[in-house]
Protein backbone atom coordinates (compact mmCIF):
# COMPACT_ATOMS: atom_id res chain seq x y z
CA UNK A 1 20.24 8.75 6.04
CA UNK A 2 20.33 7.27 2.42
CA UNK A 3 18.07 5.47 -0.07
CA UNK A 4 19.26 3.14 -2.83
CA UNK A 5 16.80 1.41 -5.51
CA UNK A 6 17.89 -2.68 -5.88
CA UNK A 7 18.82 -2.77 -9.20
CA UNK A 8 18.88 -5.20 -11.95
CA UNK A 9 15.91 -7.50 -10.27
CA UNK A 10 14.06 -9.57 -13.04
CA UNK A 11 10.39 -9.06 -13.91
CA UNK A 12 8.71 -11.28 -11.31
CA UNK A 13 6.04 -13.95 -11.74
CA UNK A 14 3.94 -16.46 -9.38
CA UNK A 15 6.35 -18.31 -7.29
CA UNK A 16 9.60 -16.77 -7.53
CA UNK A 17 11.74 -16.40 -4.17
CA UNK A 18 11.49 -12.38 -3.97
CA UNK A 19 13.48 -12.40 -0.61
CA UNK A 20 16.73 -14.49 -2.88
CA UNK A 21 16.37 -12.89 -5.79
CA UNK A 22 16.59 -9.30 -3.76
CA UNK A 23 19.56 -10.71 -1.42
CA UNK A 24 21.52 -11.48 -3.98
CA UNK A 25 21.62 -8.08 -5.00
CA UNK A 26 22.02 -6.24 -1.80
CA UNK A 27 24.94 -6.55 0.59
CA UNK A 28 22.31 -5.96 3.88
CA UNK A 29 23.91 -3.94 6.57
CA UNK A 30 22.42 -3.64 10.26
CA UNK A 31 20.00 -0.61 10.72
CA UNK A 32 18.72 -1.06 6.68
CA UNK A 33 15.37 -1.24 5.92
CA UNK A 34 13.73 -2.67 2.53
CA UNK A 35 10.77 -0.98 0.86
CA UNK A 36 9.36 -3.15 -1.55
CA UNK A 37 6.34 -2.12 -3.98
CA UNK A 38 3.37 -4.41 -3.30
CA UNK A 39 2.90 -4.86 -7.14
CA UNK A 40 6.28 -7.27 -6.96
CA UNK A 41 5.05 -9.09 -3.68
CA UNK A 42 1.76 -9.86 -5.39
CA UNK A 43 3.36 -10.67 -8.69
CA UNK A 44 5.01 -13.72 -6.46
CA UNK A 45 2.11 -14.62 -4.21
CA UNK A 46 0.04 -15.20 -7.48
CA UNK A 47 -2.29 -11.98 -7.10
CA UNK A 48 -2.91 -11.91 -10.73
CA UNK A 49 -5.91 -12.30 -12.32
CA UNK A 50 -8.33 -12.07 -15.76
CA UNK A 51 -11.44 -10.49 -16.18
CA UNK A 52 -12.57 -13.84 -16.49
CA UNK A 53 -11.92 -15.07 -13.17
CA UNK A 54 -14.64 -12.67 -11.49
CA UNK A 55 -18.70 -13.05 -12.75
CA UNK A 56 -20.38 -9.47 -11.98
CA UNK A 57 -22.87 -9.51 -9.75
CA UNK A 58 -26.30 -7.22 -9.66
CA UNK A 59 -24.30 -4.77 -7.25
CA UNK A 60 -21.18 -4.89 -9.47
CA UNK A 61 -23.58 -4.37 -12.75
CA UNK A 62 -25.29 -1.27 -10.99
CA UNK A 63 -21.57 0.66 -9.85
CA UNK A 64 -20.23 -0.03 -13.70
CA UNK A 65 -23.28 1.25 -15.06
CA UNK A 66 -23.58 4.20 -12.99
CA UNK A 67 -19.35 5.39 -13.03
CA UNK A 68 -20.25 4.70 -17.06
CA UNK A 69 -23.36 7.64 -16.92
CA UNK A 70 -20.74 9.51 -14.83
CA UNK A 71 -17.90 9.71 -16.92
CA UNK A 72 -19.00 8.96 -20.25
CA UNK A 73 -16.47 5.88 -20.51
CA UNK A 74 -16.77 2.32 -20.71
CA UNK A 75 -16.82 0.36 -17.22
CA UNK A 76 -15.74 -3.62 -16.67
CA UNK A 77 -18.75 -4.26 -14.24
CA UNK A 78 -16.49 -7.56 -13.76
CA UNK A 79 -13.82 -5.05 -12.48
CA UNK A 80 -16.06 -3.66 -9.78
CA UNK A 81 -17.41 -7.11 -9.07
CA UNK A 82 -13.20 -8.29 -7.91
CA UNK A 83 -13.11 -4.65 -5.82
CA UNK A 84 -16.04 -5.49 -3.90
CA UNK A 85 -14.72 -9.00 -3.70
CA UNK A 86 -11.32 -7.54 -2.11
CA UNK A 87 -13.32 -4.99 0.51
CA UNK A 88 -14.77 -5.43 3.44
CA UNK A 89 -16.54 -2.15 2.63
CA UNK A 90 -17.63 0.47 -0.24
CA UNK A 91 -17.30 3.70 1.32
CA UNK A 92 -18.08 5.37 -1.91
CA UNK A 93 -19.18 3.77 -5.08
CA UNK A 94 -19.25 6.99 -7.10
CA UNK A 95 -17.80 9.58 -8.62
CA UNK A 96 -15.45 6.84 -7.92
CA UNK A 97 -14.98 3.28 -5.63
CA UNK A 98 -13.64 4.31 -1.84
CA UNK A 99 -12.76 0.76 -0.84
CA UNK A 100 -11.65 -0.27 2.56
CA UNK A 101 -9.36 -3.66 2.07
CA UNK A 102 -9.61 -6.98 3.90
CA UNK A 103 -6.92 -6.05 5.90
CA UNK A 104 -7.91 -2.04 6.54
CA UNK A 105 -5.92 -0.19 4.04
CA UNK A 106 -8.77 2.85 2.52
CA UNK A 107 -8.16 3.38 -1.31
CA UNK A 108 -9.55 3.91 -4.36
CA UNK A 109 -10.77 0.68 -6.12
CA UNK A 110 -9.23 -1.59 -3.27
CA UNK A 111 -5.85 -1.04 -4.72
CA UNK A 112 -6.82 -3.23 -8.10
CA UNK A 113 -3.65 -2.73 -10.47
CA UNK A 114 -4.66 -2.49 -14.39
CA UNK A 115 -1.17 -1.80 -15.27
CA UNK A 116 2.00 -3.39 -15.42
CA UNK A 117 0.38 -6.99 -15.61
CA UNK A 118 1.67 -8.93 -18.01
CA UNK A 119 -0.01 -11.81 -18.54
CA UNK A 120 -3.19 -10.65 -16.95
CA UNK A 121 -5.76 -8.48 -16.56
CA UNK A 122 -5.88 -7.14 -12.96
CA UNK A 123 -3.22 -7.42 -10.21
CA UNK A 124 -4.39 -7.43 -6.56
CA UNK A 125 -3.17 -5.85 -3.39
CA UNK A 126 -1.12 -8.36 -1.34
CA UNK A 127 -4.13 -10.63 0.86
CA UNK A 128 -1.93 -9.81 4.03
CA UNK A 129 1.12 -7.23 2.91
CA UNK A 130 1.89 -7.46 6.91
CA UNK A 131 2.19 -11.30 6.52
CA UNK A 132 4.21 -10.83 3.75
CA UNK A 133 6.59 -8.01 4.86
CA UNK A 134 6.86 -10.45 7.97
CA UNK A 135 8.03 -13.52 5.83
CA UNK A 136 10.35 -10.99 3.67
CA UNK A 137 11.79 -9.96 7.05
CA UNK A 138 12.59 -13.25 8.68
CA UNK A 139 14.38 -14.37 5.15
CA UNK A 140 16.37 -10.92 4.62
CA UNK A 141 16.96 -10.21 8.26
CA UNK A 142 16.08 -6.50 7.99
CA UNK A 143 12.72 -4.45 8.61
CA UNK A 144 10.46 -4.40 5.87
CA UNK A 145 7.88 -2.25 4.23
CA UNK A 146 5.19 -3.13 1.78
CA UNK A 147 4.60 -0.18 -0.18
CA UNK A 148 1.58 1.03 -2.88
CA UNK A 149 0.80 4.71 -4.15
CA UNK A 150 -2.21 6.26 -3.27
CA UNK A 151 -4.05 9.73 -3.71
CA UNK A 152 -4.89 12.24 -1.10
CA UNK A 153 -7.84 14.20 -0.22
CA UNK A 154 -7.21 17.64 -0.29
CA UNK A 155 -4.52 17.49 -2.14
CA UNK A 156 -3.23 16.54 -6.41
CA UNK A 157 -0.70 13.85 -6.85
CA UNK A 158 -0.57 10.71 -5.69
CA UNK A 159 2.17 9.33 -3.28
CA UNK A 160 3.99 6.73 -1.43
CA UNK A 161 2.01 4.60 1.40
CA UNK A 162 2.57 1.54 3.51
CA UNK A 163 0.20 -1.28 3.30
CA UNK A 164 2.64 -3.64 5.28
CA UNK A 165 5.36 -3.71 7.27
CA UNK A 166 7.37 -5.83 10.02
CA UNK A 167 10.20 -5.72 11.67
CA UNK A 168 9.50 -1.95 12.57
CA UNK A 169 7.22 0.07 14.38
CA UNK A 170 4.01 1.90 12.54
CA UNK A 171 4.60 5.10 14.21
CA UNK A 172 6.65 7.01 16.38
CA UNK A 173 5.20 7.93 19.31
CA UNK A 174 6.16 11.74 20.58
CA UNK A 175 3.95 12.22 23.06
CA UNK A 176 5.70 12.65 26.47
CA UNK A 177 8.50 14.38 25.26
CA UNK A 178 9.21 18.15 24.72
CA UNK A 179 9.35 20.69 21.88
CA UNK A 180 12.24 23.37 22.05
CA UNK A 181 10.15 25.35 24.49
CA UNK A 182 9.98 22.59 26.74
CA UNK A 183 6.17 22.08 26.25
CA UNK A 184 4.91 18.34 26.75
CA UNK A 185 3.90 16.90 23.37
CA UNK A 186 0.73 15.62 23.76
CA UNK A 187 -0.30 14.69 19.88
CA UNK A 188 2.13 13.96 17.94
CA UNK A 189 2.16 10.57 16.71
CA UNK A 190 4.62 10.30 13.54
CA UNK A 191 3.96 7.56 10.90
CA UNK A 192 6.89 6.41 10.02
CA UNK A 193 6.36 3.63 7.74
CA UNK A 194 4.19 5.87 5.81
CA UNK A 195 7.42 8.21 5.32
CA UNK A 196 9.30 5.68 4.70
CA UNK A 197 7.43 4.56 2.12
CA UNK A 198 7.30 7.64 0.99
CA UNK A 199 10.94 8.43 0.65
CA UNK A 200 11.32 5.32 -1.14
CA UNK A 201 8.91 6.30 -3.73
CA UNK A 202 10.58 9.19 -4.92
CA UNK A 203 13.94 6.64 -5.66
CA UNK A 204 11.90 4.00 -6.97
CA UNK A 205 9.67 5.85 -9.59
CA UNK A 206 7.10 5.11 -11.33
CA UNK A 207 5.87 3.73 -15.22
CA UNK A 208 8.74 1.52 -16.87
CA UNK A 209 11.51 2.91 -15.32
CA UNK A 210 10.56 2.30 -11.97
CA UNK A 211 12.32 -0.37 -9.42
CA UNK A 212 10.17 -2.16 -6.94
CA UNK A 213 12.49 -2.28 -4.20
CA UNK A 214 14.80 0.47 -2.33
CA UNK A 215 16.89 0.07 0.57
CA UNK A 216 17.06 3.11 3.81
CA UNK A 217 20.33 3.24 5.12
CA UNK A 218 21.74 5.15 7.82
CA UNK A 219 18.11 6.31 9.50
CA UNK A 220 17.29 5.10 13.15
CA UNK A 221 14.10 5.01 15.11
CA UNK A 222 15.32 6.69 17.93
CA UNK A 223 14.80 6.21 21.26
CA UNK A 224 11.01 6.45 21.01
CA UNK A 225 8.04 4.53 22.07
CA UNK A 226 6.21 2.64 19.07
CA UNK A 227 2.75 1.60 17.95
CA UNK A 228 1.65 -0.91 15.45
CA UNK A 229 -1.41 1.51 14.62
CA UNK A 230 -1.64 2.73 11.06
CA UNK A 231 -4.95 2.19 10.02
CA UNK A 232 -7.85 4.68 11.62
CA UNK A 233 -10.33 2.54 14.09
CA UNK A 234 -13.86 2.78 12.31
CA UNK A 235 -15.36 4.51 15.23
CA UNK A 236 -12.20 7.16 15.72
CA UNK A 237 -12.77 8.09 11.94
CA UNK A 238 -14.97 10.81 11.17
CA UNK A 239 -13.93 11.23 7.81
CA UNK A 240 -15.57 7.44 7.00
CA UNK A 241 -18.30 8.34 8.47
CA UNK A 242 -19.20 11.32 6.65
CA UNK A 243 -18.14 9.76 3.34
CA UNK A 244 -20.93 7.08 3.97
CA UNK A 245 -23.85 9.69 4.23
CA UNK A 246 -22.73 11.97 1.59
CA UNK A 247 -24.67 11.19 -1.91
CA UNK A 248 -23.10 12.31 -5.34
């Protein structure tokens, strides 16, 4: 398995044919997987907005005021409003906003980006990242993983995660297979789209030197069961339930 960045992509703007731009720079082979940053998918889909597009309601104003009192930094309530509108639920409102996005991903600030947004203030995640991945996969003929960076509980630092995928199962199911000692595996379900996203993020990099698309080559899913489950169901998520009851 090896990975390489798709070099030479221009600054992506609303309406750009992202698939065509990538296809012109890569000779895809059978078995390739494309990992593409949600930022460029969002830009192509016109998900860049100004603060003026969001009128802060009472809840947003309260959240911003509380965060401002905690951090000592000025907080724009219109940003909080954008997070509210992009979320199914706010699990935490302080000391930061932890949101469940409309497509099930749990992340800080609903994944809204305030960097690398030429001509705008905010860049929202794709409305439906798996649908975006499906369109790219159909156009390019390879599986696609739409990635983002996200923090991790209990650890410092960011890592790449999948927020959408197509043409590949989200997980590789080892249950029913056996370990080296012949014991049957009962719980091992490997989140391959997250692992591919993390590997791609190492190659893509961050900041102004980052590249938003990476090709994974010579990797095989193998003869295993697969699952489309990635985001834990609410009724099975004990951490989410505990955070709901926690007060800062």
